[in-house]
Amino acid sequence: MRLAIAGKGGAGKTTLSATLARLAARSGLGVVALDADANPNLSVALGMPLEASAQLGPVPSTLVSRKVGGAGLTEPIDDVLDRFSLRAPDGVRLLGMGSPAHANEGCLCSAHAVVSSLLEDLGAPERFVVVDMEASPEHLSRGTVRHVDAICLVAEPYYRSLETLRRMNALISELPVARVAVVANKVRSAADEQAIREFCDRHDLTIAGVVPWSDEVGAADRARVPVVDWPGAKEYVRAVNELAEQFGVVASSR
């Protein structure tokens, strides 16, 4: 299963991606977490120390070549993982898209080609791949995530977040992605949940999970502790685990 996490900036994509990755790894799957944001933060959310996170470099574009139908890796994916991934807690393997080192560097075309090629070759039944996307729709307009099996749109209960979902869903509909689902995040009340459900009903979107607001998520972040390891965040983790069940990446507890 290759699952991309998309949504408006600040919607909670990175925290959700990291928590899904750690839970899936604990369930016995081989997990690859791909930080596909040019402003990377997934390593810290997974629980890696800052000094280790600084070692994460991008998979070089020299490993991508043109082929019929697009770009592809020139080396086996397992070799690429061995050479360029870092080990995060619970055995999660982290890959990075990279970020600009200087101003005026130009576009990130080659980085997007690398992410697309990685996703094409990472597909395997025994592996769970989670992609932490950037807030920009560029991963969609470029078709960078066209090889994922599903996209999870993270929705907060207010207009700008929901409108971002509508725009992203329109782009996703033009990609060969088999499943699109919404996770209602930071839900404080029944009214919050109802607002998201009504929006999804109007736009033919399916809700895969509801994650409640938790002050403990912010507390964990301030302490630089992954949410999955923070004792006070059990309610959040339980909700994300139920979401993971919906995508078949952890065994159902029911």
Protein backbone atom coordinates (compact mmCIF):
# COMPACT_ATOMS: atom_id res chain seq x y z
CA MET A 1 0.00 0.00 0.00
CA ARG A 2 1.32 3.39 -1.06
CA LEU A 3 -0.61 6.15 0.73
CA ALA A 4 -0.10 9.86 0.15
CA ILE A 5 -1.22 12.40 2.76
CA ALA A 6 -2.40 15.72 1.32
CA GLY A 7 -4.16 18.85 2.55
CA LYS A 8 -3.81 22.51 3.45
CA GLY A 9 -0.73 23.75 5.25
CA GLY A 10 -1.02 23.17 8.99
CA ALA A 11 -3.78 20.57 8.64
CA GLY A 12 -1.71 17.95 10.45
CA LYS A 13 -0.27 15.96 7.53
CA THR A 14 3.19 15.37 8.99
CA THR A 15 1.96 14.27 12.42
CA LEU A 16 -0.54 11.95 10.79
CA SER A 17 2.07 10.53 8.37
CA ALA A 18 4.55 9.85 11.16
CA THR A 19 1.95 8.22 13.39
CA LEU A 20 0.67 5.99 10.58
CA ALA A 21 4.23 4.95 9.75
CA ARG A 22 5.10 4.01 13.33
CA LEU A 23 1.83 2.12 13.88
CA ALA A 24 2.21 0.19 10.63
CA ALA A 25 5.79 -0.74 11.54
CA ARG A 26 4.66 -1.98 14.93
CA SER A 27 2.09 -4.18 13.19
CA GLY A 28 4.89 -5.98 11.35
CA LEU A 29 4.94 -4.30 7.95
CA GLY A 30 8.07 -3.01 6.30
CA VAL A 31 7.50 0.75 6.25
CA VAL A 32 8.99 3.46 4.09
CA ALA A 33 8.19 7.06 4.99
CA LEU A 34 8.84 9.49 2.14
CA ASP A 35 9.20 13.14 3.08
CA ALA A 36 8.05 14.74 -0.15
CA ASP A 37 7.99 18.27 1.23
CA ALA A 38 10.68 20.77 0.25
CA ASN A 39 10.38 22.01 3.86
CA PRO A 40 11.02 18.64 5.53
CA ASN A 41 9.88 17.86 9.07
CA LEU A 42 8.93 14.19 8.95
CA SER A 43 12.16 12.94 10.53
CA VAL A 44 11.56 14.77 13.80
CA ALA A 45 7.90 13.74 13.83
CA LEU A 46 9.04 10.11 13.53
CA GLY A 47 11.30 10.53 16.55
CA MET A 48 14.73 10.91 14.99
CA PRO A 49 17.23 13.17 16.76
CA LEU A 50 18.02 16.45 15.09
CA GLU A 51 21.60 15.46 14.34
CA ALA A 52 20.44 12.29 12.56
CA SER A 53 17.78 14.20 10.66
CA ALA A 54 20.46 16.53 9.32
CA GLN A 55 22.07 13.53 7.62
CA LEU A 56 19.03 12.87 5.44
CA GLY A 57 19.84 13.88 1.92
CA PRO A 58 17.75 13.57 -1.22
CA VAL A 59 17.94 10.57 -3.52
CA PRO A 60 20.06 12.03 -6.33
CA SER A 61 18.42 12.77 -9.64
CA THR A 62 21.27 10.97 -11.37
CA LEU A 63 19.50 7.72 -10.41
CA VAL A 64 16.54 8.64 -12.62
CA SER A 65 16.49 8.20 -16.36
CA ARG A 66 13.90 8.67 -19.06
CA LYS A 67 12.01 5.61 -20.22
CA VAL A 68 8.85 4.87 -22.16
CA GLY A 69 5.96 6.41 -20.25
CA GLY A 70 8.06 8.63 -18.00
CA ALA A 71 11.08 8.48 -15.71
CA GLY A 72 12.41 5.50 -13.79
CA LEU A 73 15.13 4.47 -11.36
CA THR A 74 18.36 3.09 -12.77
CA GLU A 75 19.03 0.96 -9.68
CA PRO A 76 16.89 -1.64 -7.83
CA ILE A 77 14.69 -0.04 -5.19
CA ASP A 78 16.19 -2.16 -2.40
CA ASP A 79 19.65 -0.85 -3.28
CA VAL A 80 18.33 2.71 -3.24
CA LEU A 81 16.80 2.14 0.19
CA ASP A 82 20.04 0.70 1.52
CA ARG A 83 22.08 3.62 0.21
CA PHE A 84 19.86 6.61 0.89
CA SER A 85 17.32 5.85 3.61
CA LEU A 86 17.77 6.47 7.32
CA ARG A 87 16.41 4.20 10.03
CA ALA A 88 13.77 5.77 12.26
CA PRO A 89 12.24 4.24 15.41
CA ASP A 90 10.34 0.95 15.00
CA GLY A 91 12.41 0.21 11.89
CA VAL A 92 10.75 2.81 9.64
CA ARG A 93 12.96 3.69 6.67
CA LEU A 94 12.94 7.38 5.83
CA LEU A 95 13.64 8.83 2.39
CA GLY A 96 13.81 12.54 1.59
CA MET A 97 12.90 14.63 -1.42
CA GLY A 98 15.41 17.28 -0.45
CA SER A 99 15.06 21.01 -0.09
CA PRO A 100 16.66 24.07 -1.69
CA ALA A 101 20.06 24.90 -0.23
CA HIS A 102 20.16 28.43 -1.66
CA ALA A 103 17.89 31.14 -3.01
CA ASN A 104 17.47 31.44 -6.78
CA GLU A 105 18.12 27.73 -7.33
CA GLY A 106 15.19 27.36 -9.67
CA CYS A 107 12.45 24.76 -9.78
CA LEU A 108 12.42 21.35 -8.12
CA CYS A 109 11.61 19.45 -11.32
CA SER A 110 14.29 16.81 -10.81
CA ALA A 111 13.22 16.22 -7.19
CA HIS A 112 9.65 15.57 -8.31
CA ALA A 113 10.91 13.11 -10.93
CA VAL A 114 12.81 11.26 -8.22
CA VAL A 115 9.76 11.04 -5.94
CA SER A 116 7.62 9.75 -8.80
CA SER A 117 10.20 7.10 -9.72
CA LEU A 118 10.57 6.00 -6.10
CA LEU A 119 6.83 5.59 -5.70
CA GLU A 120 6.56 3.52 -8.86
CA ASP A 121 9.18 1.05 -7.62
CA LEU A 122 8.18 0.99 -3.94
CA GLY A 123 4.93 -0.85 -4.57
CA ALA A 124 4.95 -4.26 -2.83
CA PRO A 125 2.24 -6.16 -0.89
CA GLU A 126 4.38 -6.54 2.22
CA ARG A 127 5.40 -2.87 2.31
CA PHE A 128 3.57 0.23 3.52
CA VAL A 129 4.70 3.51 2.00
CA VAL A 130 3.43 6.78 3.44
CA VAL A 131 4.11 10.02 1.57
CA ASP A 132 4.04 13.30 3.49
CA MET A 133 3.11 15.75 0.71
CA GLU A 134 3.66 19.48 0.72
CA ALA A 135 0.71 21.85 1.04
CA SER A 136 1.11 23.01 -2.56
CA PRO A 137 -0.90 21.14 -5.23
CA GLU A 138 2.32 20.76 -7.23
CA HIS A 139 2.58 17.03 -6.47
CA LEU A 140 -0.77 16.69 -8.17
CA SER A 141 -0.33 19.10 -11.08
CA ARG A 142 2.97 17.39 -11.94
CA GLY A 143 1.55 13.91 -11.41
CA THR A 144 4.31 13.20 -8.89
CA VAL A 145 2.05 10.91 -6.82
CA ARG A 146 0.30 9.19 -9.72
CA HIS A 147 1.75 5.83 -8.62
CA VAL A 148 0.21 5.79 -5.13
CA ASP A 149 -2.65 3.42 -4.36
CA ALA A 150 -4.60 5.94 -2.29
CA ILE A 151 -4.59 9.58 -1.24
CA CYS A 152 -5.83 10.69 2.16
CA LEU A 153 -7.04 14.29 2.25
CA VAL A 154 -6.68 15.85 5.70
CA ALA A 155 -9.60 18.15 6.50
CA GLU A 156 -9.93 20.67 9.27
CA PRO A 157 -13.43 21.94 10.13
CA TYR A 158 -13.23 25.35 8.50
CA TYR A 159 -13.88 26.75 5.05
CA ARG A 160 -10.34 27.33 3.73
CA SER A 161 -9.24 23.83 4.61
CA LEU A 162 -12.32 22.26 3.03
CA GLU A 163 -12.02 24.38 -0.09
CA THR A 164 -8.41 23.21 -0.46
CA LEU A 165 -9.68 19.63 -0.37
CA ARG A 166 -12.20 20.35 -3.11
CA ARG A 167 -9.49 21.78 -5.37
CA MET A 168 -7.10 18.94 -4.68
CA ASN A 169 -9.77 16.32 -5.27
CA ALA A 170 -10.49 17.82 -8.68
CA LEU A 171 -6.83 17.35 -9.61
CA ILE A 172 -6.68 13.84 -8.16
CA SER A 173 -9.65 12.82 -10.29
CA GLU A 174 -7.41 13.24 -13.34
CA LEU A 175 -4.77 10.85 -11.96
CA PRO A 176 -4.90 7.03 -11.97
CA VAL A 177 -5.30 6.84 -8.18
CA ALA A 178 -7.66 4.07 -7.10
CA ARG A 179 -8.90 5.52 -3.81
CA VAL A 180 -9.39 8.96 -2.31
CA ALA A 181 -10.60 9.38 1.26
CA VAL A 182 -10.86 12.15 3.84
CA VAL A 183 -9.73 12.18 7.44
CA ALA A 184 -11.51 14.74 9.57
CA ASN A 185 -8.75 16.14 11.77
CA LYS A 186 -8.66 18.42 14.83
CA VAL A 187 -12.37 17.82 15.48
CA ARG A 188 -13.44 19.60 18.68
CA SER A 189 -17.19 18.98 18.62
CA ALA A 190 -20.09 17.22 16.95
CA ALA A 191 -20.67 20.42 14.97
CA ASP A 192 -17.12 20.27 13.62
CA GLU A 193 -17.57 16.69 12.48
CA GLN A 194 -20.96 17.45 10.96
CA ALA A 195 -19.55 20.38 8.95
CA ILE A 196 -16.92 18.12 7.39
CA ARG A 197 -19.43 15.33 6.73
CA GLU A 198 -21.85 17.70 5.01
CA PHE A 199 -19.06 19.07 2.83
CA CYS A 200 -17.94 15.57 1.88
CA ASP A 201 -21.51 14.55 1.06
CA ARG A 202 -21.87 17.53 -1.27
CA HIS A 203 -18.66 16.69 -3.11
CA ASP A 204 -18.88 12.89 -3.21
CA LEU A 205 -15.99 12.38 -0.80
CA THR A 206 -15.75 9.49 1.65
CA ILE A 207 -14.62 9.97 5.24
CA ALA A 208 -12.23 7.23 6.35
CA GLY A 209 -11.68 8.47 9.89
CA VAL A 210 -12.27 11.18 12.47
CA VAL A 211 -9.38 12.38 14.63
CA PRO A 212 -10.22 14.53 17.66
CA TRP A 213 -8.52 17.74 18.66
CA SER A 214 -5.89 17.10 21.32
CA ASP A 215 -3.81 19.65 23.20
CA GLU A 216 -1.44 16.76 23.87
CA VAL A 217 -0.37 16.69 20.20
CA GLY A 218 1.00 20.19 20.58
CA ALA A 219 2.59 19.30 23.91
CA ALA A 220 4.37 16.33 22.32
CA ASP A 221 5.66 18.51 19.50
CA ARG A 222 7.00 21.14 21.88
CA ALA A 223 8.82 18.37 23.75
CA ARG A 224 10.13 16.92 20.45
CA VAL A 225 8.55 13.58 21.27
CA PRO A 226 6.62 11.63 18.60
CA VAL A 227 2.90 11.64 19.28
CA VAL A 228 2.83 7.84 19.20
CA ASP A 229 5.25 7.83 22.19
CA TRP A 230 3.51 10.59 24.17
CA PRO A 231 1.39 9.09 27.01
CA GLY A 232 -1.17 11.89 26.94
CA ALA A 233 -1.95 11.46 23.23
CA LYS A 234 -3.55 8.01 23.45
CA GLU A 235 -6.90 9.25 22.15
CA TYR A 236 -5.25 10.73 19.05
CA VAL A 237 -3.21 7.57 18.47
CA ARG A 238 -6.29 5.39 18.88
CA ALA A 239 -8.13 7.39 16.22
CA VAL A 240 -5.18 7.18 13.81
CA ASN A 241 -4.96 3.44 14.43
CA GLU A 242 -8.61 3.13 13.42
CA LEU A 243 -7.80 5.08 10.26
CA ALA A 244 -4.90 2.71 9.58
CA GLU A 245 -7.34 -0.19 9.88
CA GLN A 246 -9.47 1.39 7.16
CA PHE A 247 -6.48 1.30 4.80
CA GLY A 248 -5.50 -2.22 5.84
CA VAL A 249 -2.08 -1.30 7.22
CA VAL A 250 -2.76 -2.57 10.75
CA ALA A 251 -4.87 -5.51 11.83
CA SER A 252 -8.41 -4.68 12.89
CA SER A 253 -8.94 -4.67 16.64
CA ARG A 254 -12.65 -5.36 16.23
